[in-house]
Structure formats: structure tokens, C-alpha cells
Amino acid sequence: MIFIALYVDDIILITENDDVMKKTKQDLMQRFQMKDMGPLYHVLGISCIQDVENGRLGLTQEINIEKLICKHGLADARSVSTPSDPNVTLMQNDEISKSVDKSLYQSLIGSLLYAAL
């Protein structure tokens, strides 16, 4: 059995064993201009961790999330168990809080939703 996942110019091959993998790569290289980048480590912003000995595959977005934290200047932020006080009523202008760049806020929320999905 062979699975081929293709996204723009990235190809992910999943095969039953190494021999089938080598044969599939050879066949594809004869038909298309491509190069073998070796084992899968990173694809579409997701890091792939392969544990061949135990037959496990792990996926993580740690690098993307770290970049997101730094991009939005939150590297020194403290984590909390509850993100917000449930007794606080949010208002558009409370004359205490500093103003927020709407597009930057939307970018952050969009990035968080992407990471969550």
C-alpha cells in the first residue's frame, strides 16, 4: 500500500516498508523533475517526529507557536490557569486600557485558530 499526499510542490510518501519507498521514489523521479529531501521533518508548518523503533509518528506546531509568540511580543508574558476574570465586563472604551491595533488583533486570533485546527 502506498499513500501519496501532494500540496503544491511538497510530496509526502507513506509506504509499507523501505523497499516500496525506494521504488516509488525512483518511479516518480523518472517521470517528474524532483529531488529526494530525505525523511519527513517539517511540512506546512508542522514538525514531524518519527520514532522508527517504536513505530510512532508525532506532530507538533511548537516552532510555529514560538514564532507567533515572538511576532506579537508575548515572549515575556506570564501564563495563567484562567485567561480572564469571569467577573469582568468588557467595554469598547473603558478609558483605562490601552488601545489595540484591530488588524494585529485579528491576525493573532486567526493564527491561533489555525494552530488550534
N, C-alpha and C. Protein backbone atom coordinates (compact mmCIF):
# COMPACT_ATOMS: atom_id res chain seq x y z
N MET A 1 0.85 -1.17 0.00
CA MET A 1 0.00 0.00 0.00
C MET A 1 0.90 1.24 0.00
N ILE A 2 0.52 2.24 -0.80
CA ILE A 2 1.27 3.48 -0.92
C ILE A 2 0.31 4.65 -0.79
N PHE A 3 0.65 5.60 0.06
CA PHE A 3 -0.11 6.85 0.17
C PHE A 3 0.78 7.97 -0.33
N ILE A 4 0.24 8.80 -1.21
CA ILE A 4 0.97 9.96 -1.71
C ILE A 4 0.12 11.19 -1.41
N ALA A 5 0.66 12.08 -0.58
CA ALA A 5 0.00 13.35 -0.27
C ALA A 5 0.77 14.45 -0.99
N LEU A 6 0.06 15.27 -1.75
CA LEU A 6 0.69 16.31 -2.56
C LEU A 6 0.05 17.65 -2.24
N TYR A 7 0.89 18.64 -1.95
CA TYR A 7 0.40 20.00 -1.74
C TYR A 7 1.38 20.94 -2.43
N VAL A 8 0.95 21.58 -3.48
CA VAL A 8 1.74 22.48 -4.32
C VAL A 8 3.02 21.77 -4.77
N ASP A 9 4.15 22.01 -4.10
CA ASP A 9 5.39 21.35 -4.51
C ASP A 9 5.96 20.44 -3.42
N ASP A 10 5.13 20.08 -2.46
CA ASP A 10 5.55 19.17 -1.40
C ASP A 10 4.85 17.82 -1.58
N ILE A 11 5.64 16.76 -1.45
CA ILE A 11 5.10 15.41 -1.56
C ILE A 11 5.43 14.65 -0.28
N ILE A 12 4.45 13.98 0.26
CA ILE A 12 4.67 13.10 1.40
C ILE A 12 4.33 11.69 0.95
N LEU A 13 5.30 10.79 1.11
CA LEU A 13 5.08 9.39 0.76
C LEU A 13 4.98 8.55 2.03
N ILE A 14 4.00 7.68 2.05
CA ILE A 14 3.85 6.73 3.15
C ILE A 14 3.72 5.35 2.52
N THR A 15 4.64 4.47 2.88
CA THR A 15 4.64 3.13 2.30
C THR A 15 4.77 2.07 3.40
N GLU A 16 4.57 0.84 3.00
CA GLU A 16 4.62 -0.27 3.95
C GLU A 16 6.03 -0.53 4.48
N ASN A 17 7.04 -0.33 3.60
CA ASN A 17 8.42 -0.59 4.01
C ASN A 17 9.38 0.24 3.17
N ASP A 18 10.67 0.16 3.51
CA ASP A 18 11.68 0.98 2.83
C ASP A 18 11.86 0.61 1.36
N ASP A 19 11.73 -0.66 1.03
CA ASP A 19 11.89 -1.08 -0.37
C ASP A 19 10.82 -0.46 -1.26
N VAL A 20 9.60 -0.49 -0.79
CA VAL A 20 8.50 0.11 -1.55
C VAL A 20 8.71 1.63 -1.65
N MET A 21 9.22 2.24 -0.59
CA MET A 21 9.50 3.68 -0.60
C MET A 21 10.54 4.02 -1.67
N LYS A 22 11.65 3.25 -1.69
CA LYS A 22 12.71 3.49 -2.67
C LYS A 22 12.20 3.33 -4.10
N LYS A 23 11.44 2.28 -4.34
CA LYS A 23 10.91 2.01 -5.68
C LYS A 23 9.95 3.12 -6.10
N THR A 24 9.10 3.56 -5.19
CA THR A 24 8.15 4.62 -5.50
C THR A 24 8.88 5.93 -5.83
N LYS A 25 9.90 6.26 -5.05
CA LYS A 25 10.68 7.47 -5.31
C LYS A 25 11.37 7.39 -6.67
N GLN A 26 11.94 6.22 -7.00
CA GLN A 26 12.60 6.05 -8.30
C GLN A 26 11.61 6.25 -9.44
N ASP A 27 10.43 5.64 -9.31
CA ASP A 27 9.41 5.77 -10.34
C ASP A 27 8.98 7.22 -10.53
N LEU A 28 8.78 7.93 -9.43
CA LEU A 28 8.37 9.33 -9.51
C LEU A 28 9.47 10.21 -10.11
N MET A 29 10.73 9.95 -9.75
CA MET A 29 11.85 10.74 -10.26
C MET A 29 12.07 10.53 -11.75
N GLN A 30 11.70 9.35 -12.28
CA GLN A 30 11.80 9.10 -13.71
C GLN A 30 10.75 9.90 -14.49
N ARG A 31 9.61 10.14 -13.87
CA ARG A 31 8.51 10.82 -14.55
C ARG A 31 8.51 12.33 -14.32
N PHE A 32 9.01 12.77 -13.17
CA PHE A 32 8.93 14.18 -12.80
C PHE A 32 10.29 14.69 -12.33
N GLN A 33 10.51 15.99 -12.54
CA GLN A 33 11.73 16.61 -12.04
C GLN A 33 11.53 16.85 -10.54
N MET A 34 12.26 16.14 -9.73
CA MET A 34 12.14 16.27 -8.29
C MET A 34 13.40 15.76 -7.62
N LYS A 35 13.55 16.08 -6.35
CA LYS A 35 14.68 15.54 -5.59
C LYS A 35 14.19 15.00 -4.26
N ASP A 36 14.92 14.03 -3.77
CA ASP A 36 14.59 13.36 -2.51
C ASP A 36 15.16 14.19 -1.37
N MET A 37 14.29 14.71 -0.51
CA MET A 37 14.71 15.53 0.62
C MET A 37 14.90 14.70 1.89
N GLY A 38 14.79 13.38 1.78
CA GLY A 38 15.01 12.51 2.93
C GLY A 38 13.75 12.35 3.77
N PRO A 39 13.95 11.90 5.00
CA PRO A 39 12.80 11.69 5.88
C PRO A 39 12.02 12.98 6.13
N LEU A 40 10.75 12.85 6.40
CA LEU A 40 9.88 13.99 6.65
C LEU A 40 10.16 14.58 8.03
N TYR A 41 10.53 15.85 8.05
CA TYR A 41 10.77 16.55 9.30
C TYR A 41 9.82 17.72 9.51
N HIS A 42 9.41 18.35 8.40
CA HIS A 42 8.60 19.56 8.50
C HIS A 42 7.74 19.69 7.25
N VAL A 43 6.44 19.94 7.43
CA VAL A 43 5.56 20.14 6.29
C VAL A 43 4.41 21.06 6.70
N LEU A 44 4.15 22.08 5.89
CA LEU A 44 3.04 23.01 6.10
C LEU A 44 3.00 23.57 7.52
N GLY A 45 4.16 23.90 8.06
CA GLY A 45 4.21 24.49 9.39
C GLY A 45 4.11 23.51 10.53
N ILE A 46 4.13 22.23 10.21
CA ILE A 46 4.01 21.20 11.24
C ILE A 46 5.30 20.39 11.28
N SER A 47 5.89 20.25 12.45
CA SER A 47 7.09 19.42 12.62
C SER A 47 6.66 17.97 12.83
N CYS A 48 7.35 17.07 12.16
CA CYS A 48 7.04 15.64 12.24
C CYS A 48 8.18 14.92 12.94
N ILE A 49 7.84 14.17 13.97
CA ILE A 49 8.83 13.43 14.75
C ILE A 49 8.56 11.95 14.53
N GLN A 50 9.55 11.25 13.97
CA GLN A 50 9.37 9.84 13.67
C GLN A 50 10.18 8.99 14.65
N ASP A 51 9.51 8.09 15.31
CA ASP A 51 10.15 7.13 16.22
C ASP A 51 10.05 5.76 15.54
N VAL A 52 11.04 5.46 14.72
CA VAL A 52 11.01 4.24 13.91
C VAL A 52 11.05 3.00 14.79
N GLU A 53 11.83 3.04 15.86
CA GLU A 53 11.96 1.87 16.74
C GLU A 53 10.61 1.42 17.31
N ASN A 54 9.79 2.39 17.71
CA ASN A 54 8.50 2.06 18.32
C ASN A 54 7.33 2.20 17.35
N GLY A 55 7.62 2.54 16.09
CA GLY A 55 6.57 2.66 15.09
C GLY A 55 5.60 3.79 15.37
N ARG A 56 6.12 4.93 15.84
CA ARG A 56 5.26 6.06 16.18
C ARG A 56 5.61 7.29 15.36
N LEU A 57 4.60 8.12 15.17
CA LEU A 57 4.77 9.39 14.48
C LEU A 57 4.13 10.48 15.33
N GLY A 58 4.87 11.54 15.56
CA GLY A 58 4.33 12.66 16.35
C GLY A 58 4.30 13.92 15.52
N LEU A 59 3.32 14.74 15.75
CA LEU A 59 3.18 16.02 15.05
C LEU A 59 3.15 17.14 16.08
N THR A 60 3.84 18.24 15.80
CA THR A 60 3.85 19.36 16.72
C THR A 60 3.93 20.68 15.94
N GLN A 61 3.34 21.71 16.52
CA GLN A 61 3.41 23.05 15.94
C GLN A 61 4.21 23.98 16.84
N GLU A 62 5.08 23.40 17.64
CA GLU A 62 5.84 24.17 18.63
C GLU A 62 6.62 25.32 17.98
N ILE A 63 7.27 25.08 16.85
CA ILE A 63 8.05 26.13 16.19
C ILE A 63 7.14 27.26 15.74
N ASN A 64 6.00 26.92 15.13
CA ASN A 64 5.06 27.96 14.68
C ASN A 64 4.52 28.77 15.85
N ILE A 65 4.21 28.12 16.94
CA ILE A 65 3.66 28.81 18.10
C ILE A 65 4.72 29.72 18.72
N GLU A 66 5.96 29.26 18.78
CA GLU A 66 7.05 30.11 19.28
C GLU A 66 7.22 31.35 18.41
N LYS A 67 7.17 31.18 17.09
CA LYS A 67 7.26 32.33 16.17
C LYS A 67 6.11 33.29 16.39
N LEU A 68 4.92 32.76 16.59
CA LEU A 68 3.73 33.57 16.83
C LEU A 68 3.88 34.37 18.13
N ILE A 69 4.38 33.74 19.17
CA ILE A 69 4.59 34.41 20.45
C ILE A 69 5.57 35.57 20.29
N CYS A 70 6.67 35.32 19.60
CA CYS A 70 7.67 36.38 19.40
C CYS A 70 7.15 37.48 18.49
N LYS A 71 6.44 37.12 17.43
CA LYS A 71 5.90 38.10 16.48
C LYS A 71 4.99 39.11 17.18
N HIS A 72 4.23 38.66 18.14
CA HIS A 72 3.27 39.52 18.82
C HIS A 72 3.80 40.05 20.16
N GLY A 73 5.11 39.89 20.39
CA GLY A 73 5.74 40.46 21.56
C GLY A 73 5.27 39.86 22.88
N LEU A 74 4.99 38.58 22.87
CA LEU A 74 4.48 37.92 24.08
C LEU A 74 5.48 36.95 24.70
N ALA A 75 6.75 37.08 24.31
CA ALA A 75 7.77 36.15 24.81
C ALA A 75 7.94 36.24 26.33
N ASP A 76 7.72 37.43 26.90
CA ASP A 76 7.88 37.60 28.35
C ASP A 76 6.55 37.53 29.10
N ALA A 77 5.49 37.16 28.41
CA ALA A 77 4.17 37.10 29.05
C ALA A 77 4.13 35.95 30.05
N ARG A 78 3.36 36.14 31.11
CA ARG A 78 3.19 35.09 32.11
C ARG A 78 1.96 34.26 31.78
N SER A 79 2.06 32.97 32.00
CA SER A 79 0.89 32.12 31.76
C SER A 79 0.01 32.12 33.01
N VAL A 80 -1.26 31.91 32.80
CA VAL A 80 -2.22 31.85 33.90
C VAL A 80 -3.15 30.67 33.67
N SER A 81 -3.73 30.15 34.74
CA SER A 81 -4.62 29.00 34.59
C SER A 81 -5.97 29.41 34.00
N THR A 82 -6.42 30.63 34.31
CA THR A 82 -7.67 31.15 33.76
C THR A 82 -7.32 32.39 32.94
N PRO A 83 -7.62 32.39 31.66
CA PRO A 83 -7.18 33.50 30.82
C PRO A 83 -7.83 34.84 31.13
N SER A 84 -8.96 34.84 31.81
CA SER A 84 -9.66 36.09 32.07
C SER A 84 -10.50 35.96 33.33
N ASP A 85 -10.68 37.09 34.01
CA ASP A 85 -11.55 37.12 35.19
C ASP A 85 -13.00 37.05 34.72
N PRO A 86 -13.75 36.04 35.10
CA PRO A 86 -15.13 35.89 34.62
C PRO A 86 -16.06 37.00 35.11
N ASN A 87 -15.64 37.77 36.10
CA ASN A 87 -16.49 38.84 36.64
C ASN A 87 -16.29 40.18 35.93
N VAL A 88 -15.34 40.25 35.01
CA VAL A 88 -15.06 41.50 34.30
C VAL A 88 -16.02 41.64 33.13
N THR A 89 -16.61 42.82 32.99
CA THR A 89 -17.47 43.13 31.86
C THR A 89 -16.64 43.93 30.86
N LEU A 90 -16.51 43.41 29.65
CA LEU A 90 -15.71 44.09 28.64
C LEU A 90 -16.51 45.23 28.00
N MET A 91 -15.83 46.36 27.84
CA MET A 91 -16.45 47.52 27.20
C MET A 91 -15.54 47.99 26.08
N GLN A 92 -16.13 48.63 25.09
CA GLN A 92 -15.35 49.08 23.95
C GLN A 92 -14.31 50.12 24.38
N ASN A 93 -14.68 51.05 25.25
CA ASN A 93 -13.74 52.07 25.70
C ASN A 93 -13.94 52.29 27.19
N ASP A 94 -13.03 51.74 27.99
CA ASP A 94 -13.16 51.89 29.44
C ASP A 94 -12.26 53.01 29.98
N GLU A 95 -11.54 53.69 29.08
CA GLU A 95 -10.64 54.80 29.39
C GLU A 95 -9.50 54.41 30.33
N ILE A 96 -9.28 53.11 30.52
CA ILE A 96 -8.17 52.62 31.34
C ILE A 96 -7.21 51.82 30.46
N SER A 97 -7.78 50.92 29.69
CA SER A 97 -6.97 50.04 28.84
C SER A 97 -6.38 50.81 27.67
N LYS A 98 -5.22 50.35 27.22
CA LYS A 98 -4.62 50.98 26.04
C LYS A 98 -5.31 50.45 24.78
N SER A 99 -5.30 51.26 23.74
CA SER A 99 -5.99 50.87 22.50
C SER A 99 -5.23 49.73 21.83
N VAL A 100 -5.95 48.97 21.05
CA VAL A 100 -5.41 47.78 20.38
C VAL A 100 -5.53 47.97 18.88
N ASP A 101 -4.47 47.59 18.17
CA ASP A 101 -4.49 47.62 16.70
C ASP A 101 -5.41 46.50 16.22
N LYS A 102 -6.51 46.89 15.60
CA LYS A 102 -7.55 45.93 15.21
C LYS A 102 -7.00 44.84 14.26
N SER A 103 -6.22 45.23 13.26
CA SER A 103 -5.73 44.24 12.30
C SER A 103 -4.69 43.31 12.94
N LEU A 104 -3.88 43.81 13.87
CA LEU A 104 -2.92 42.97 14.58
C LEU A 104 -3.66 41.96 15.45
N TYR A 105 -4.72 42.41 16.12
CA TYR A 105 -5.54 41.53 16.96
C TYR A 105 -6.19 40.43 16.09
N GLN A 106 -6.74 40.83 14.94
CA GLN A 106 -7.37 39.86 14.05
C GLN A 106 -6.34 38.86 13.52
N SER A 107 -5.13 39.33 13.24
CA SER A 107 -4.07 38.45 12.78
C SER A 107 -3.71 37.42 13.85
N LEU A 108 -3.60 37.87 15.09
CA LEU A 108 -3.28 36.97 16.19
C LEU A 108 -4.37 35.92 16.38
N ILE A 109 -5.62 36.35 16.39
CA ILE A 109 -6.74 35.40 16.57
C ILE A 109 -6.78 34.41 15.40
N GLY A 110 -6.59 34.89 14.18
CA GLY A 110 -6.57 33.99 13.01
C GLY A 110 -5.45 32.96 13.12
N SER A 111 -4.27 33.40 13.56
CA SER A 111 -3.14 32.48 13.72
C SER A 111 -3.40 31.44 14.80
N LEU A 112 -4.03 31.87 15.89
CA LEU A 112 -4.36 30.94 16.97
C LEU A 112 -5.40 29.91 16.51
N LEU A 113 -6.39 30.37 15.75
CA LEU A 113 -7.40 29.44 15.24
C LEU A 113 -6.77 28.43 14.28
N TYR A 114 -5.85 28.90 13.43
CA TYR A 114 -5.16 28.00 12.51
C TYR A 114 -4.37 26.94 13.28
N ALA A 115 -3.66 27.37 14.33
CA ALA A 115 -2.89 26.42 15.13
C ALA A 115 -3.80 25.42 15.84
N ALA A 116 -4.96 25.91 16.30
CA ALA A 116 -5.89 25.04 17.01
C ALA A 116 -6.51 23.98 16.09
N LEU A 117 -6.74 24.35 14.85
CA LEU A 117 -7.36 23.41 13.92
C LEU A 117 -6.33 22.49 13.31
